[in-house]
Amino acid sequence: MNVIQAITPFQGQPLTHQLLLSLLKDYKRPNDKIHTLLQEQMLVPVKKGLYVPGPALKLRQPESFLLANHVYGPSYVSMDVALSYHGLIPERVYEISSMTTKASHEFDTPAGRFAYYHLPFPYYAYGIRQAKLDENQYALVATPEKALSDKIVTTAGIILRSRRMVMEYLVENLRIDEEVLAALDTNTMQEWLGCAPKKKSLEMVIKTIKSL
């Protein structure tokens, strides 16, 4: 089996170093073969030990959300890019922001820019769903409610103490439609408050949304 035949069944998936070693096990020096594949643009390195198919292979690429789950983990996609994905904000977002239990980190890669923000347990574990992105591609993504909460919790300087401040931030700054806000599940958001950072700000957000 040649290299293209070996990798094709995994198109659309991030390729780990361990997987490549298993696919290239018939080579005497599989690491040397991986180096050659990189030079021939059959593989593109995302970070150490993680690759995607290169332009020479002409295979389907993994979606950015799926890749984000693999670049640094445990993690899930959240904040602006998840708000855009769920249709809450109109802007298209290019940086893929994720939450993690590890230290905050940023990666500038050939596949894009990935930023990770630390959250404490147990708040981290709430509001995560598996989203289908494409054929055989799934990623962990925040629900609309959790993405909004994460945005408030992790953005420095955001302190919301009145309905006016909440509306100014959500509607004027983030440009979220009031009808969309009113449809959010505030009961679920309420369940996270006991362990959430910026508890008072989130309480005011919930009260404001309930009043719409």
Protein backbone atom coordinates (compact mmCIF):
# COMPACT_ATOMS: atom_id res chain seq x y z
CA MET A 1 0.00 0.00 0.00
CA ASN A 2 1.41 3.41 -0.94
CA VAL A 3 1.28 6.46 1.30
CA ILE A 4 -1.75 8.04 -0.35
CA GLN A 5 -3.73 4.80 -0.04
CA ALA A 6 -2.71 4.53 3.60
CA ILE A 7 -3.73 8.09 4.53
CA THR A 8 -6.89 8.41 2.40
CA PRO A 9 -9.17 6.49 4.85
CA PHE A 10 -8.26 9.14 7.46
CA GLN A 11 -8.98 12.18 5.31
CA GLY A 12 -10.85 14.85 7.20
CA GLN A 13 -9.11 13.85 10.43
CA PRO A 14 -6.03 15.29 12.15
CA LEU A 15 -3.09 12.96 11.70
CA THR A 16 -1.09 12.24 14.83
CA HIS A 17 2.52 11.16 14.80
CA GLN A 18 1.52 7.86 16.38
CA LEU A 19 -1.03 7.18 13.64
CA LEU A 20 1.50 7.96 10.91
CA LEU A 21 4.03 5.60 12.48
CA SER A 22 1.45 2.82 12.41
CA LEU A 23 0.56 3.56 8.76
CA LEU A 24 4.24 3.61 7.79
CA LYS A 25 5.27 0.59 9.82
CA ASP A 26 6.59 -1.25 6.75
CA TYR A 27 9.30 1.39 6.29
CA LYS A 28 12.60 0.73 8.06
CA ARG A 29 12.77 4.37 9.19
CA PRO A 30 9.17 5.71 9.36
CA ASN A 31 10.30 8.99 10.94
CA ASP A 32 12.56 9.63 7.94
CA LYS A 33 9.57 8.92 5.66
CA ILE A 34 7.46 11.45 7.59
CA HIS A 35 10.22 14.03 7.09
CA THR A 36 10.17 13.28 3.34
CA LEU A 37 6.37 13.63 3.22
CA LEU A 38 6.71 17.06 4.85
CA GLN A 39 9.28 18.14 2.27
CA GLU A 40 7.03 16.90 -0.55
CA GLN A 41 4.04 18.82 0.89
CA MET A 42 2.09 15.63 1.36
CA LEU A 43 1.86 16.52 5.03
CA VAL A 44 1.64 19.91 6.75
CA PRO A 45 2.69 20.22 10.41
CA VAL A 46 0.20 21.93 12.71
CA LYS A 47 2.30 21.49 15.83
CA LYS A 48 4.77 18.91 17.08
CA GLY A 49 3.20 15.48 16.61
CA LEU A 50 0.10 16.72 14.73
CA TYR A 51 -0.35 17.02 10.97
CA VAL A 52 -2.95 17.56 8.27
CA PRO A 53 -2.88 16.34 4.66
CA GLY A 54 -0.77 18.63 2.49
CA PRO A 55 -1.76 20.16 -0.87
CA ALA A 56 0.04 17.40 -2.77
CA LEU A 57 -2.39 14.79 -1.39
CA LYS A 58 -5.57 16.69 -2.40
CA LEU A 59 -7.53 15.13 0.45
CA ARG A 60 -10.36 16.58 2.54
CA GLN A 61 -9.06 18.71 5.41
CA PRO A 62 -10.23 18.51 9.03
CA GLU A 63 -12.56 21.35 10.02
CA SER A 64 -10.99 24.04 12.19
CA PHE A 65 -13.18 23.19 15.22
CA LEU A 66 -12.08 19.55 15.09
CA LEU A 67 -8.47 20.62 14.75
CA ALA A 68 -8.84 22.96 17.72
CA ASN A 69 -9.93 20.04 19.91
CA HIS A 70 -6.67 18.25 18.99
CA VAL A 71 -4.16 21.10 19.09
CA TYR A 72 -4.50 21.53 22.87
CA GLY A 73 -6.68 19.58 25.21
CA PRO A 74 -8.84 18.86 26.94
CA SER A 75 -10.67 21.72 25.29
CA TYR A 76 -13.88 22.78 23.56
CA VAL A 77 -14.58 25.60 21.09
CA SER A 78 -16.30 28.62 22.63
CA MET A 79 -16.55 32.42 22.84
CA ASP A 80 -16.87 34.51 19.64
CA VAL A 81 -16.32 31.70 17.16
CA ALA A 82 -18.98 29.54 18.86
CA LEU A 83 -21.35 32.51 19.10
CA SER A 84 -20.88 33.03 15.36
CA TYR A 85 -21.36 29.30 14.69
CA HIS A 86 -24.68 29.35 16.57
CA GLY A 87 -25.79 32.52 14.77
CA LEU A 88 -25.79 34.84 17.79
CA ILE A 89 -23.32 37.35 16.37
CA PRO A 90 -23.15 38.45 12.72
CA GLU A 91 -19.37 38.64 12.35
CA ARG A 92 -17.31 35.84 10.90
CA VAL A 93 -14.55 34.99 13.35
CA TYR A 94 -11.14 33.79 12.20
CA GLU A 95 -9.39 33.04 15.48
CA ILE A 96 -10.58 29.77 16.96
CA SER A 97 -11.06 30.35 20.70
CA SER A 98 -11.42 27.42 23.06
CA MET A 99 -11.72 26.75 26.78
CA THR A 100 -9.34 24.39 28.57
CA THR A 101 -8.57 23.15 32.06
CA LYS A 102 -4.87 23.68 31.31
CA ALA A 103 -2.97 26.96 31.32
CA SER A 104 -4.01 29.52 28.71
CA HIS A 105 -2.06 29.19 25.47
CA GLU A 106 -1.98 30.44 21.89
CA PHE A 107 -0.83 28.64 18.73
CA ASP A 108 -0.13 30.29 15.38
CA THR A 109 -0.10 27.43 12.88
CA PRO A 110 -0.26 26.89 9.10
CA ALA A 111 -3.87 25.77 9.72
CA GLY A 112 -4.86 28.97 11.56
CA ARG A 113 -4.64 30.69 14.92
CA PHE A 114 -5.90 28.83 17.98
CA ALA A 115 -6.31 30.49 21.39
CA TYR A 116 -7.08 28.63 24.62
CA TYR A 117 -8.37 30.16 27.86
CA HIS A 118 -8.23 28.50 31.25
CA LEU A 119 -11.45 27.69 33.12
CA PRO A 120 -11.73 25.98 36.51
CA PHE A 121 -13.64 22.81 37.25
CA PRO A 122 -16.52 22.18 37.61
CA TYR A 123 -17.66 25.26 35.65
CA TYR A 124 -15.59 24.11 32.66
CA ALA A 125 -17.60 20.91 32.24
CA TYR A 126 -21.02 22.53 31.77
CA GLY A 127 -22.63 23.41 28.45
CA ILE A 128 -20.50 21.32 26.08
CA ARG A 129 -22.03 19.54 23.10
CA GLN A 130 -20.68 17.35 20.31
CA ALA A 131 -21.37 19.11 17.01
CA LYS A 132 -21.36 17.42 13.61
CA LEU A 133 -19.25 19.54 11.28
CA ASP A 134 -18.94 17.37 8.17
CA GLU A 135 -18.93 13.73 7.17
CA ASN A 136 -17.25 11.82 10.01
CA GLN A 137 -16.14 15.08 11.62
CA TYR A 138 -17.35 15.95 15.11
CA ALA A 139 -16.06 18.49 17.62
CA LEU A 140 -16.77 19.61 21.17
CA VAL A 141 -18.42 23.03 21.02
CA ALA A 142 -20.01 25.23 23.69
CA THR A 143 -23.78 25.69 23.64
CA PRO A 144 -24.92 29.24 22.84
CA GLU A 145 -25.49 29.87 26.56
CA LYS A 146 -22.07 28.58 27.58
CA ALA A 147 -20.27 30.43 24.78
CA LEU A 148 -21.84 33.68 25.97
CA SER A 149 -21.01 32.95 29.60
CA ASP A 150 -17.43 32.03 28.68
CA LYS A 151 -17.07 35.27 26.74
CA ILE A 152 -18.07 37.29 29.81
CA VAL A 153 -16.05 35.20 32.26
CA THR A 154 -12.76 35.29 30.32
CA THR A 155 -12.81 38.83 28.89
CA ALA A 156 -10.79 41.18 31.07
CA GLY A 157 -12.59 44.31 32.22
CA ILE A 158 -16.12 43.04 31.63
CA ILE A 159 -18.07 43.75 34.84
CA LEU A 160 -21.85 43.91 34.42
CA ARG A 161 -23.79 45.38 37.34
CA SER A 162 -26.97 46.77 35.74
CA ARG A 163 -29.48 45.97 33.02
CA ARG A 164 -28.21 48.95 31.03
CA MET A 165 -24.64 47.66 31.15
CA VAL A 166 -25.77 44.18 30.06
CA MET A 167 -27.80 45.48 27.12
CA GLU A 168 -25.02 47.80 26.06
CA TYR A 169 -22.52 44.95 26.04
CA LEU A 170 -24.72 42.22 24.49
CA VAL A 171 -26.76 44.24 22.00
CA GLU A 172 -24.57 47.21 21.13
CA ASN A 173 -21.11 45.69 21.54
CA LEU A 174 -21.62 42.05 20.55
CA ARG A 175 -24.63 42.91 18.34
CA ILE A 176 -26.78 40.04 19.53
CA ASP A 177 -30.45 40.44 18.59
CA GLU A 178 -32.82 40.83 21.55
CA GLU A 179 -35.11 38.08 20.26
CA VAL A 180 -32.15 35.71 20.08
CA LEU A 181 -31.17 36.64 23.64
CA ALA A 182 -34.71 36.04 24.87
CA ALA A 183 -34.61 32.51 23.44
CA LEU A 184 -31.57 31.48 25.50
CA ASP A 185 -32.08 28.88 28.23
CA THR A 186 -31.58 30.96 31.38
CA ASN A 187 -32.62 28.07 33.63
CA THR A 188 -29.60 26.11 32.45
CA MET A 189 -27.36 29.15 32.87
CA GLN A 190 -28.67 29.50 36.43
CA GLU A 191 -27.43 25.98 37.23
CA TRP A 192 -23.83 27.01 36.55
CA LEU A 193 -23.78 30.04 38.84
CA GLY A 194 -22.70 28.23 41.98
CA CYS A 195 -19.27 27.44 40.52
CA ALA A 196 -18.91 30.19 37.89
CA PRO A 197 -16.31 32.95 37.87
CA LYS A 198 -17.79 36.49 37.71
CA LYS A 199 -20.93 35.19 39.37
CA LYS A 200 -22.49 38.62 39.91
CA SER A 201 -22.05 39.62 36.27
CA LEU A 202 -23.63 36.39 35.07
CA GLU A 203 -26.50 36.82 37.53
CA MET A 204 -27.20 40.24 36.03
CA VAL A 205 -27.05 38.80 32.51
CA ILE A 206 -29.60 36.12 33.43
CA LYS A 207 -31.94 38.65 35.08
CA THR A 208 -31.71 40.93 32.05
CA ILE A 209 -32.43 38.14 29.57
CA LYS A 210 -35.41 36.96 31.63
CA SER A 211 -36.86 40.48 31.49
CA LEU A 212 -36.87 40.61 27.67
